[in-house]
């Protein structure tokens, strides 16, 4: 089947190469990638995991987008303005953006995108009947669907209930992509496998768990600096090989053009402990690394109103602080991550985030003696009489969490590591069903508010992602204050204050800030490198 699909894609590539273009034919080809997890949907209303975001970024556009510096720039909206009170956003749309062709448009040809399409798409996100995983984008920010206004075909407005300074940044999330009403309503729930957007690539074929094929959108509106129409690639072909070693071997054999991250099972083969490419693979491929807006942490349930917390030693602040001091993060990064990460000695907001200043937020350094002192002060000298704590993680992070287990054991804190499937662990966390758990937070949009919202009391389960049950009045006041602060520098200063306050109360142990690790074949150029690790293929060239 895979050979037939490959032949099918190459045949289409040859056909499309005959089409008129300002780009040389040698640049028209198929980009091969592998997604290690299957896609649950290609409907942007449900793009909750990383790989779905990647694919949706090829298929769809929104009002705005981010560049590699994580700055919000125009997309379908060519310009915008905000009212003086910060409540009304007015967007002026381009007049050359068309949906991909689909039989359910008049004549089968994709029509022009209008303001009413954004009103429909955004209203759909907050529609309880749709039950979008992205409903949080607007649910607490607008009154109802009437907040989305199509003033005319090219003018779209959003009316907020209260100011929200990072709103433009929020709109760069793939959830905020535009979709056509007539096509979505024809397919209903099956729109997940019949996606129609405006992006640089259009949907062609998807056999779930095996292969996905996207083809160049010949009518795509964006152009490069020389006036050439994007994208350059003719097609994208994705496989779904779950085994990381197998996918790496496919990359080595040049059957895959791009590989994201390096699994621990073969990391030592590729990287030295200092993070350099080993002699064995030197010059064999391109290695790109950069700060990644992904914080790897251990969460601790601290809401004492929950029955599960009442007998947990983690409800004691000094215990949580002792855990933070007990872990040698530098050693962990060097020997378990081959230096692919930054030790988590700061706050929850990672390096690479706009406005990040490491010296302004103070976390916990490695100090096992201080950890022992805190344990003693908490009434558990050398851990004596302290109940064993169950620490839940997934198989992929077992070695990391077992390292943490060993570090805690040295100061007298006994833990039991419980390996759980990813979906099961997420469900436990989302129901406050575990006291001590591995977690990671990847930025939905490039503003620190996205990270700090994890500790806002009104976002406690089931209303939001406050998985630790953290509740602090001063933190909440500062969080709400940021809504009104338009000046970025002043808002960033408040973010630093909030991050410091949260770290003092220690509902989390920040283990490390992740790094993007992208491998490309040597014949690939024009790739993007951004802090969100967003896959951008519209300017990629394969020689």
Protein backbone atom coordinates (compact mmCIF):
# COMPACT_ATOMS: atom_id res chain seq x y z
CA UNK A 1 0.00 0.00 0.00
CA UNK A 2 2.75 2.46 0.95
CA UNK A 3 4.56 1.81 -2.34
CA UNK A 4 1.34 2.45 -4.25
CA UNK A 5 0.77 5.71 -2.37
CA UNK A 6 4.35 6.80 -2.99
CA UNK A 7 3.91 6.14 -6.69
CA UNK A 8 0.61 8.02 -6.62
CA UNK A 9 2.19 11.08 -5.01
CA UNK A 10 5.18 11.07 -7.36
CA UNK A 11 2.88 10.79 -10.36
CA UNK A 12 0.91 13.79 -9.17
CA UNK A 13 4.18 15.61 -8.54
CA UNK A 14 5.25 15.10 -12.14
CA UNK A 15 1.89 16.33 -13.37
CA UNK A 16 1.99 19.45 -11.23
CA UNK A 17 5.60 20.13 -12.17
CA UNK A 18 4.33 20.80 -15.67
CA UNK A 19 2.21 23.67 -14.34
CA UNK A 20 3.43 27.23 -14.77
CA UNK A 21 5.59 28.56 -11.93
CA UNK A 22 8.38 31.05 -11.36
CA UNK A 23 10.23 28.42 -9.29
CA UNK A 24 12.57 26.01 -11.06
CA UNK A 25 11.15 22.49 -11.59
CA UNK A 26 14.01 20.98 -9.58
CA UNK A 27 12.45 22.57 -6.48
CA UNK A 28 9.10 20.88 -7.08
CA UNK A 29 9.07 17.67 -5.12
CA UNK A 30 7.65 15.65 -2.23
CA UNK A 31 8.61 16.36 1.39
CA UNK A 32 8.51 13.18 3.48
CA UNK A 33 7.89 13.30 7.21
CA UNK A 34 6.83 10.86 9.90
CA UNK A 35 4.34 11.50 12.69
CA UNK A 36 4.92 9.09 15.55
CA UNK A 37 1.35 9.42 16.80
CA UNK A 38 -1.78 9.05 14.71
CA UNK A 39 -3.93 12.09 14.03
CA UNK A 40 -7.31 12.21 15.71
CA UNK A 41 -8.72 14.93 13.44
CA UNK A 42 -7.81 17.44 10.73
CA UNK A 43 -10.57 19.78 11.88
CA UNK A 44 -8.88 22.85 13.48
CA UNK A 45 -11.57 22.93 16.16
CA UNK A 46 -9.90 19.80 17.57
CA UNK A 47 -6.19 20.45 16.99
CA UNK A 48 -5.18 19.69 20.53
CA UNK A 49 -1.95 17.73 19.99
CA UNK A 50 1.36 18.73 18.49
CA UNK A 51 1.17 16.70 15.30
CA UNK A 52 -2.37 17.86 14.52
CA UNK A 53 -1.19 21.46 14.94
CA UNK A 54 1.62 20.74 12.46
CA UNK A 55 -0.74 19.42 9.81
CA UNK A 56 -3.37 22.08 10.42
CA UNK A 57 -0.68 24.69 9.90
CA UNK A 58 -0.27 23.40 6.34
CA UNK A 59 -4.01 23.27 5.61
CA UNK A 60 -5.36 26.43 7.21
CA UNK A 61 -4.81 30.14 7.86
CA UNK A 62 -6.12 32.52 10.49
CA UNK A 63 -6.42 36.28 10.86
CA UNK A 64 -2.81 36.55 12.07
CA UNK A 65 0.27 34.33 12.31
CA UNK A 66 3.66 34.30 14.05
CA UNK A 67 7.07 34.67 12.43
CA UNK A 68 10.20 32.86 13.59
CA UNK A 69 10.78 35.55 16.23
CA UNK A 70 7.28 34.79 17.59
CA UNK A 71 6.04 38.22 16.62
CA UNK A 72 2.41 38.47 15.54
CA UNK A 73 2.20 39.47 11.88
CA UNK A 74 -0.63 39.77 9.31
CA UNK A 75 -2.14 36.73 7.66
CA UNK A 76 -5.65 36.83 6.14
CA UNK A 77 -6.10 40.09 8.05
CA UNK A 78 -3.85 42.61 6.30
CA UNK A 79 -4.32 45.19 9.07
CA UNK A 80 -6.28 45.81 12.28
CA UNK A 81 -6.99 48.34 15.00
CA UNK A 82 -8.12 48.17 18.60
CA UNK A 83 -10.56 50.52 20.30
CA UNK A 84 -9.25 52.79 23.05
CA UNK A 85 -10.96 50.69 25.75
CA UNK A 86 -9.37 47.49 24.40
CA UNK A 87 -12.74 45.82 23.87
CA UNK A 88 -13.26 46.01 20.09
CA UNK A 89 -10.83 44.56 17.53
CA UNK A 90 -11.43 45.42 13.88
CA UNK A 91 -9.70 43.36 11.17
CA UNK A 92 -9.44 44.26 7.49
CA UNK A 93 -9.24 41.15 5.32
CA UNK A 94 -7.29 40.48 2.14
CA UNK A 95 -9.30 40.09 -1.06
CA UNK A 96 -7.20 37.32 -2.63
CA UNK A 97 -7.60 34.40 -0.20
CA UNK A 98 -9.64 31.43 -1.46
CA UNK A 99 -10.71 28.17 0.11
CA UNK A 100 -9.38 24.97 -1.41
CA UNK A 101 -11.57 23.46 -4.12
CA UNK A 102 -14.32 21.11 -2.93
CA UNK A 103 -17.40 19.63 -4.66
CA UNK A 104 -19.65 21.36 -2.14
CA UNK A 105 -18.78 24.84 -3.35
CA UNK A 106 -20.67 26.22 -6.34
CA UNK A 107 -18.97 24.78 -9.42
CA UNK A 108 -16.58 22.87 -7.15
CA UNK A 109 -14.19 25.83 -6.93
CA UNK A 110 -13.11 27.31 -3.61
CA UNK A 111 -14.66 30.72 -3.05
CA UNK A 112 -13.25 33.95 -1.59
CA UNK A 113 -12.91 34.08 2.20
CA UNK A 114 -15.25 36.62 3.79
CA UNK A 115 -15.67 38.13 7.24
CA UNK A 116 -18.75 35.95 7.78
CA UNK A 117 -16.48 32.89 7.52
CA UNK A 118 -14.52 34.03 10.55
CA UNK A 119 -17.75 34.79 12.43
CA UNK A 120 -18.88 31.23 11.70
CA UNK A 121 -15.51 29.62 12.50
CA UNK A 122 -15.08 31.41 15.83
CA UNK A 123 -18.72 30.89 16.81
CA UNK A 124 -18.22 27.20 16.13
CA UNK A 125 -15.38 27.07 18.70
CA UNK A 126 -17.70 28.12 21.52
CA UNK A 127 -20.72 26.09 20.33
CA UNK A 128 -21.46 23.43 23.01
CA UNK A 129 -22.81 21.13 20.29
CA UNK A 130 -19.41 21.13 18.57
CA UNK A 131 -17.59 20.57 21.90
CA UNK A 132 -14.32 21.94 20.53
CA UNK A 133 -11.19 21.36 22.61
CA UNK A 134 -10.36 24.97 21.70
CA UNK A 135 -13.45 26.49 23.31
CA UNK A 136 -11.21 28.06 25.98
CA UNK A 137 -9.83 30.44 23.36
CA UNK A 138 -12.98 32.59 23.49
CA UNK A 139 -15.30 31.12 26.12
CA UNK A 140 -14.31 33.48 28.94
CA UNK A 141 -13.54 36.42 26.67
CA UNK A 142 -16.77 36.97 24.73
CA UNK A 143 -20.45 37.02 25.72
CA UNK A 144 -21.63 34.66 22.98
CA UNK A 145 -21.55 34.28 19.17
CA UNK A 146 -22.86 37.84 18.78
CA UNK A 147 -19.33 39.00 19.71
CA UNK A 148 -18.15 37.96 16.23
CA UNK A 149 -19.31 40.58 13.75
CA UNK A 150 -19.06 40.62 9.94
CA UNK A 151 -19.45 44.37 9.34
CA UNK A 152 -19.10 43.70 5.61
CA UNK A 153 -17.37 41.07 3.48
CA UNK A 154 -13.88 42.40 4.23
CA UNK A 155 -14.31 43.80 7.76
CA UNK A 156 -14.47 41.48 10.75
CA UNK A 157 -14.85 42.55 14.36
CA UNK A 158 -14.53 40.87 17.76
CA UNK A 159 -16.08 42.40 20.85
CA UNK A 160 -14.55 41.30 24.17
CA UNK A 161 -16.24 41.30 27.59
CA UNK A 162 -13.10 42.80 29.14
CA UNK A 163 -9.68 43.82 27.84
CA UNK A 164 -7.18 41.03 27.24
CA UNK A 165 -3.76 42.40 26.30
CA UNK A 166 -2.34 39.20 24.70
CA UNK A 167 -5.43 38.78 22.48
CA UNK A 168 -3.65 39.16 19.13
CA UNK A 169 -1.09 36.58 20.19
CA UNK A 170 -3.91 34.25 21.23
CA UNK A 171 -5.40 34.49 17.72
CA UNK A 172 -2.28 32.89 16.22
CA UNK A 173 -3.35 29.52 17.68
CA UNK A 174 -4.38 26.99 14.99
CA UNK A 175 -7.77 26.72 16.66
CA UNK A 176 -8.47 30.15 15.17
CA UNK A 177 -8.27 28.96 11.56
CA UNK A 178 -11.02 29.86 9.11
CA UNK A 179 -13.27 27.14 7.68
CA UNK A 180 -16.17 27.31 5.15
CA UNK A 181 -19.66 26.88 6.61
CA UNK A 182 -21.23 25.07 3.65
CA UNK A 183 -18.49 22.43 3.54
CA UNK A 184 -18.29 21.91 7.31
CA UNK A 185 -22.06 21.55 7.61
CA UNK A 186 -22.23 19.10 4.70
CA UNK A 187 -19.62 16.78 6.19
CA UNK A 188 -20.57 17.33 9.83
CA UNK A 189 -18.31 15.29 12.10
CA UNK A 190 -16.66 13.82 8.99
CA UNK A 191 -15.07 17.20 8.31
CA UNK A 192 -12.25 15.77 10.43
CA UNK A 193 -11.24 13.66 7.42
CA UNK A 194 -12.39 16.04 4.65
CA UNK A 195 -10.57 19.25 5.65
CA UNK A 196 -10.94 22.36 3.54
CA UNK A 197 -8.95 25.46 4.42
CA UNK A 198 -6.95 28.22 2.75
CA UNK A 199 -3.42 27.06 3.61
CA UNK A 200 -0.38 26.46 1.40
CA UNK A 201 -1.28 22.78 1.01
CA UNK A 202 -4.61 21.09 0.32
CA UNK A 203 -5.89 17.73 1.44
CA UNK A 204 -5.65 14.76 -0.95
CA UNK A 205 -5.58 11.42 0.89
CA UNK A 206 -5.55 10.02 4.42
CA UNK A 207 -5.45 6.36 5.38
CA UNK A 208 -5.47 6.66 9.15
CA UNK A 209 -2.42 5.29 10.88
CA UNK A 210 -0.62 4.69 7.56
CA UNK A 211 -0.25 7.68 5.26
CA UNK A 212 -1.41 11.26 4.76
CA UNK A 213 -0.92 13.16 1.50
CA UNK A 214 -1.23 16.93 1.06
CA UNK A 215 -0.71 18.67 -2.29
CA UNK A 216 0.42 22.18 -3.18
CA UNK A 217 -2.36 24.76 -3.16
CA UNK A 218 -1.88 26.30 -6.61
CA UNK A 219 -3.97 29.34 -5.66
CA UNK A 220 -2.21 30.07 -2.37
CA UNK A 221 -2.03 33.80 -1.71
CA UNK A 222 1.37 34.27 0.00
CA UNK A 223 4.49 35.10 -2.03
CA UNK A 224 8.19 35.19 -1.24
CA UNK A 225 10.36 38.32 -1.23
CA UNK A 226 10.91 37.97 -4.99
CA UNK A 227 7.24 37.71 -5.81
CA UNK A 228 7.18 33.93 -6.33
CA UNK A 229 4.02 32.23 -5.18
CA UNK A 230 4.37 29.90 -2.20
CA UNK A 231 4.72 27.02 -1.43
CA UNK A 232 7.70 25.64 -3.37
CA UNK A 233 7.09 22.00 -2.50
CA UNK A 234 4.77 19.97 -4.65
CA UNK A 235 3.45 17.69 -1.92
CA UNK A 236 3.83 16.52 1.67
CA UNK A 237 3.69 12.83 2.47
CA UNK A 238 3.45 11.72 6.07
CA UNK A 239 3.83 8.21 7.43
CA UNK A 240 2.84 7.11 10.94
CA UNK A 241 5.66 4.91 12.20
CA UNK A 242 5.21 4.73 15.97
CA UNK A 243 8.56 3.13 16.78
CA UNK A 244 11.15 5.87 17.18
CA UNK A 245 14.13 3.68 16.27
CA UNK A 246 12.41 2.56 13.06
CA UNK A 247 11.62 6.15 12.07
CA UNK A 248 15.24 7.14 12.73
CA UNK A 249 16.48 4.31 10.50
CA UNK A 250 14.12 5.55 7.78
CA UNK A 251 15.65 9.00 8.19
CA UNK A 252 19.20 7.57 7.94
CA UNK A 253 18.13 5.76 4.75
CA UNK A 254 16.86 9.15 3.48
CA UNK A 255 13.28 7.93 3.19
CA UNK A 256 12.28 10.73 5.58
CA UNK A 257 13.37 14.35 5.05
CA UNK A 258 12.73 15.63 8.57
CA UNK A 259 12.88 14.20 12.07
CA UNK A 260 11.71 15.95 15.20
CA UNK A 261 13.58 15.20 18.44
CA UNK A 262 16.03 12.40 19.22
CA UNK A 263 14.74 9.52 21.29
CA UNK A 264 16.68 8.35 24.32
CA UNK A 265 17.10 4.88 22.81
CA UNK A 266 19.57 6.19 20.22
CA UNK A 267 20.49 9.63 21.59
CA UNK A 268 24.00 8.57 22.66
CA UNK A 269 24.63 7.26 19.16
CA UNK A 270 23.95 10.68 17.64
CA UNK A 271 24.96 13.18 20.32
CA UNK A 272 27.83 13.54 22.74
CA UNK A 273 26.98 14.39 26.36
CA UNK A 274 27.75 18.04 25.53
CA UNK A 275 25.16 18.02 22.74
CA UNK A 276 27.46 17.81 19.69
CA UNK A 277 26.90 15.45 16.76
CA UNK A 278 29.06 12.34 17.14
CA UNK A 279 31.81 11.58 14.64
CA UNK A 280 29.68 8.74 13.25
CA UNK A 281 27.02 11.15 11.96
CA UNK A 282 29.02 14.32 11.41
CA UNK A 283 27.99 15.89 8.10
CA UNK A 284 25.30 13.27 7.46
CA UNK A 285 22.41 15.65 8.18
CA UNK A 286 21.55 19.12 9.46
CA UNK A 287 20.98 19.43 13.23
CA UNK A 288 19.06 22.49 14.41
CA UNK A 289 18.52 23.30 18.08
CA UNK A 290 16.92 26.30 19.78
CA UNK A 291 14.93 27.15 22.93
CA UNK A 292 11.52 25.48 22.84
CA UNK A 293 8.49 26.90 24.61
CA UNK A 294 7.98 23.65 26.48
CA UNK A 295 8.39 23.35 30.24
CA UNK A 296 8.92 19.83 31.61
CA UNK A 297 7.76 19.65 35.21
CA UNK A 298 6.37 17.55 38.02
CA UNK A 299 3.01 18.73 39.30
CA UNK A 300 1.88 18.47 42.93
CA UNK A 301 -1.78 18.64 43.88
CA UNK A 302 -2.12 21.33 46.57
CA UNK A 303 -5.88 21.94 46.82
CA UNK A 304 -6.55 20.91 50.43
CA UNK A 305 -10.32 20.82 49.84
CA UNK A 306 -9.81 17.64 47.82
CA UNK A 307 -10.01 14.35 49.77
CA UNK A 308 -6.96 12.98 47.90
CA UNK A 309 -4.82 15.85 49.26
CA UNK A 310 -5.85 15.67 52.93
CA UNK A 311 -3.36 12.88 53.77
CA UNK A 312 -0.74 13.84 51.19
CA UNK A 313 2.58 15.20 52.53
CA UNK A 314 2.69 17.37 49.41
CA UNK A 315 0.15 19.72 51.01
CA UNK A 316 3.04 20.94 53.20
CA UNK A 317 4.97 23.80 51.59
CA UNK A 318 8.34 22.81 53.10
CA UNK A 319 8.00 19.31 51.64
CA UNK A 320 7.37 20.76 48.17
CA UNK A 321 10.34 23.10 48.54
CA UNK A 322 12.54 20.22 49.75
CA UNK A 323 11.66 18.24 46.63
CA UNK A 324 12.66 21.23 44.51
CA UNK A 325 16.06 21.56 46.21
CA UNK A 326 16.79 17.81 46.09
CA UNK A 327 17.20 17.45 42.29
CA UNK A 328 20.47 18.01 40.42
CA UNK A 329 19.01 19.24 37.16
CA UNK A 330 22.34 20.00 35.46
CA UNK A 331 23.49 16.41 35.84
CA UNK A 332 20.07 15.23 34.67
CA UNK A 333 20.23 17.30 31.46
CA UNK A 334 23.80 16.31 30.65
CA UNK A 335 23.50 12.57 31.16
CA UNK A 336 19.84 11.88 30.36
CA UNK A 337 19.25 14.53 27.68
CA UNK A 338 22.76 14.91 26.18
CA UNK A 339 22.52 18.62 27.00
CA UNK A 340 19.33 19.01 24.94
CA UNK A 341 17.56 21.23 27.42
CA UNK A 342 18.14 23.95 30.01
CA UNK A 343 18.07 23.03 33.73
CA UNK A 344 14.85 24.29 35.35
CA UNK A 345 16.31 26.61 37.95
CA UNK A 346 13.97 29.48 37.10
CA UNK A 347 10.20 29.83 36.90
CA UNK A 348 7.50 28.07 34.92
CA UNK A 349 7.81 30.41 31.92
CA UNK A 350 10.57 29.07 29.63
CA UNK A 351 13.47 30.83 27.88
CA UNK A 352 12.57 31.96 24.37
CA UNK A 353 9.25 33.46 25.46
CA UNK A 354 8.95 37.14 24.47
CA UNK A 355 9.85 39.22 27.53
CA UNK A 356 11.67 36.35 29.26
CA UNK A 357 14.37 37.49 31.68
CA UNK A 358 15.93 34.60 33.59
CA UNK A 359 17.46 36.76 36.30
CA UNK A 360 14.09 38.24 37.24
CA UNK A 361 12.52 34.93 38.27
CA UNK A 362 14.03 32.72 40.96
CA UNK A 363 13.39 29.01 41.21
CA UNK A 364 15.38 26.35 43.08
CA UNK A 365 19.04 25.43 42.71
CA UNK A 366 20.48 22.06 43.72
CA UNK A 367 20.95 22.06 47.49
CA UNK A 368 20.38 18.61 49.08
CA UNK A 369 21.41 19.85 52.54
CA UNK A 370 18.75 22.55 52.43
CA UNK A 371 16.26 19.88 51.33
CA UNK A 372 17.12 17.81 54.41
CA UNK A 373 16.73 20.86 56.67
CA UNK A 374 13.28 21.58 55.22
CA UNK A 375 12.25 17.96 55.74
CA UNK A 376 13.36 18.17 59.37
CA UNK A 377 11.48 21.44 59.87
CA UNK A 378 8.38 19.82 58.37
CA UNK A 379 8.56 17.09 61.04
CA UNK A 380 10.19 14.36 58.96
CA UNK A 381 13.93 14.29 59.82
CA UNK A 382 15.72 12.31 57.08
CA UNK A 383 12.25 11.39 55.81
CA UNK A 384 11.37 9.43 58.94
CA UNK A 385 7.64 8.65 59.21
CA UNK A 386 6.96 10.42 55.92
CA UNK A 387 4.44 8.46 53.78
CA UNK A 388 5.66 7.11 50.44
CA UNK A 389 4.44 9.22 47.51
CA UNK A 390 3.34 7.73 44.17
CA UNK A 391 4.88 9.57 41.21
CA UNK A 392 3.05 8.89 37.93
CA UNK A 393 4.66 9.20 34.50
CA UNK A 394 4.55 7.74 30.99
CA UNK A 395 6.93 5.15 29.56
CA UNK A 396 8.74 7.77 27.47
CA UNK A 397 9.88 9.63 30.59
CA UNK A 398 10.51 6.63 32.81
CA UNK A 399 14.30 7.09 32.99
CA UNK A 400 13.91 10.79 33.79
CA UNK A 401 11.42 10.18 36.58
CA UNK A 402 13.43 7.27 37.99
CA UNK A 403 16.38 9.67 38.16
CA UNK A 404 14.18 12.05 40.17
CA UNK A 405 13.17 9.11 42.37
CA UNK A 406 16.84 8.40 43.11
CA UNK A 407 17.56 12.04 43.91
CA UNK A 408 14.63 12.23 46.35
CA UNK A 409 15.68 8.96 47.98
CA UNK A 410 19.06 10.51 48.82
CA UNK A 411 17.44 13.14 51.03
CA UNK A 412 14.97 10.71 52.60
CA UNK A 413 11.87 11.13 50.41
CA UNK A 414 10.51 7.76 49.28
CA UNK A 415 8.53 7.55 46.07
CA UNK A 416 6.89 4.81 44.06
CA UNK A 417 7.13 5.38 40.28
CA UNK A 418 3.97 4.34 38.47
CA UNK A 419 4.11 3.95 34.69
CA UNK A 420 0.85 4.91 32.99
CA UNK A 421 -0.26 5.26 29.37
CA UNK A 422 -0.28 8.87 28.20
CA UNK A 423 -4.05 9.06 27.71
CA UNK A 424 -4.70 7.46 31.09
CA UNK A 425 -2.32 9.81 32.87
CA UNK A 426 -3.89 12.85 31.21
CA UNK A 427 -7.32 11.66 32.34
CA UNK A 428 -6.12 11.15 35.92
CA UNK A 429 -4.57 14.62 35.98
CA UNK A 430 -7.69 16.20 34.46
CA UNK A 431 -9.82 14.70 37.24
CA UNK A 432 -7.49 15.55 40.16
CA UNK A 433 -6.90 11.83 40.54
CA UNK A 434 -3.15 11.86 41.27
CA UNK A 435 -1.07 13.83 43.79
CA UNK A 436 2.33 13.74 42.07
CA UNK A 437 2.68 13.58 38.30
CA UNK A 438 4.92 14.22 35.31
CA UNK A 439 3.72 17.01 33.04
CA UNK A 440 4.74 19.31 30.22
CA UNK A 441 3.30 22.59 29.04
CA UNK A 442 3.82 23.62 25.43
CA UNK A 443 2.83 27.17 24.51
CA UNK A 444 -0.50 27.46 22.69
CA UNK A 445 0.52 31.01 21.79
CA UNK A 446 3.67 33.04 22.47
CA UNK A 447 2.72 35.00 25.57
CA UNK A 448 3.64 34.16 29.17
CA UNK A 449 -0.03 34.54 30.14
CA UNK A 450 -0.54 31.10 28.57
CA UNK A 451 1.84 29.55 31.14
CA UNK A 452 0.66 31.53 34.14
CA UNK A 453 -2.98 30.70 33.40
CA UNK A 454 -2.11 27.17 34.57
CA UNK A 455 -2.10 28.58 38.13
CA UNK A 456 -5.09 30.95 37.97
CA UNK A 457 -7.69 29.77 40.51
CA UNK A 458 -10.62 30.24 38.10
CA UNK A 459 -8.93 27.75 35.78
CA UNK A 460 -9.16 24.94 38.32
CA UNK A 461 -10.55 21.65 37.04
CA UNK A 462 -13.05 21.21 35.42
CA UNK A 463 -12.95 24.77 34.08
CA UNK A 464 -9.35 24.93 32.92
CA UNK A 465 -5.79 23.62 33.09
CA UNK A 466 -4.98 24.42 36.73
CA UNK A 467 -4.08 20.77 37.37
CA UNK A 468 -2.37 21.42 40.73
CA UNK A 469 -5.35 23.24 42.25
CA UNK A 470 -3.14 26.24 43.06
CA UNK A 471 -5.08 29.10 44.63
CA UNK A 472 -3.45 32.37 45.66
CA UNK A 473 -5.36 35.63 46.00
CA UNK A 474 -2.39 37.89 45.19
CA UNK A 475 -1.52 35.80 42.13
CA UNK A 476 -5.11 36.04 40.87
CA UNK A 477 -5.16 39.82 41.37
CA UNK A 478 -1.97 40.24 39.36
CA UNK A 479 -3.23 37.86 36.67
CA UNK A 480 -6.41 39.87 36.20
CA UNK A 481 -4.43 43.13 36.30
CA UNK A 482 -2.43 42.06 33.22
CA UNK A 483 -5.62 42.11 31.12
CA UNK A 484 -5.57 45.90 31.28
CA UNK A 485 -1.85 46.47 30.66
CA UNK A 486 -1.24 47.28 26.99
CA UNK A 487 2.44 48.17 27.42
CA UNK A 488 4.38 44.94 26.85
CA UNK A 489 7.28 45.75 29.16
CA UNK A 490 5.00 46.64 32.06
CA UNK A 491 2.97 43.48 31.49
CA UNK A 492 6.14 41.36 31.33
CA UNK A 493 7.23 42.79 34.71
CA UNK A 494 3.94 41.65 36.26
CA UNK A 495 4.40 38.21 34.69
CA UNK A 496 7.80 37.96 36.41
CA UNK A 497 6.21 38.89 39.74
CA UNK A 498 3.53 36.22 39.30
CA UNK A 499 6.04 33.55 38.31
CA UNK A 500 8.14 34.34 41.39
CA UNK A 501 5.11 34.21 43.67
CA UNK A 502 4.00 30.85 42.27
CA UNK A 503 7.50 29.34 42.56
CA UNK A 504 7.69 30.39 46.22
CA UNK A 505 4.58 28.29 46.85
CA UNK A 506 5.98 25.42 44.74
CA UNK A 507 2.98 23.59 43.26
CA UNK A 508 5.41 22.34 40.61
CA UNK A 509 8.99 21.16 40.26
CA UNK A 510 10.40 22.63 37.05
CA UNK A 511 12.76 19.94 35.75
CA UNK A 512 13.96 21.57 32.53
CA UNK A 513 13.09 23.83 29.65
CA UNK A 514 13.08 21.84 26.46
CA UNK A 515 15.09 22.47 23.31
CA UNK A 516 13.93 22.07 19.75
CA UNK A 517 15.94 19.29 18.13
CA UNK A 518 15.20 19.12 14.41
CA UNK A 519 17.06 16.95 11.92
CA UNK A 520 16.89 17.70 8.20
CA UNK A 521 18.48 15.99 5.26
CA UNK A 522 21.33 17.99 3.72
CA UNK A 523 19.32 18.73 0.57
CA UNK A 524 16.63 20.63 2.51
CA UNK A 525 16.64 24.42 2.93
CA UNK A 526 14.19 27.18 3.76
CA UNK A 527 13.01 25.53 6.98
CA UNK A 528 11.69 27.46 9.94
CA UNK A 529 13.08 27.48 13.47
CA UNK A 530 10.73 29.02 16.02
CA UNK A 531 10.21 28.68 19.75
CA UNK A 532 6.85 26.94 19.32
CA UNK A 533 8.42 24.22 17.15
CA UNK A 534 5.69 24.99 14.65
CA UNK A 535 6.25 23.10 11.41
CA UNK A 536 6.29 25.70 8.60
CA UNK A 537 6.82 24.16 5.17
CA UNK A 538 5.62 26.86 2.78
CA UNK A 539 9.20 28.11 2.13
CA UNK A 540 10.97 24.75 2.22
CA UNK A 541 13.04 23.74 -0.81
CA UNK A 542 14.19 20.19 -1.50
CA UNK A 543 17.05 20.01 -4.00
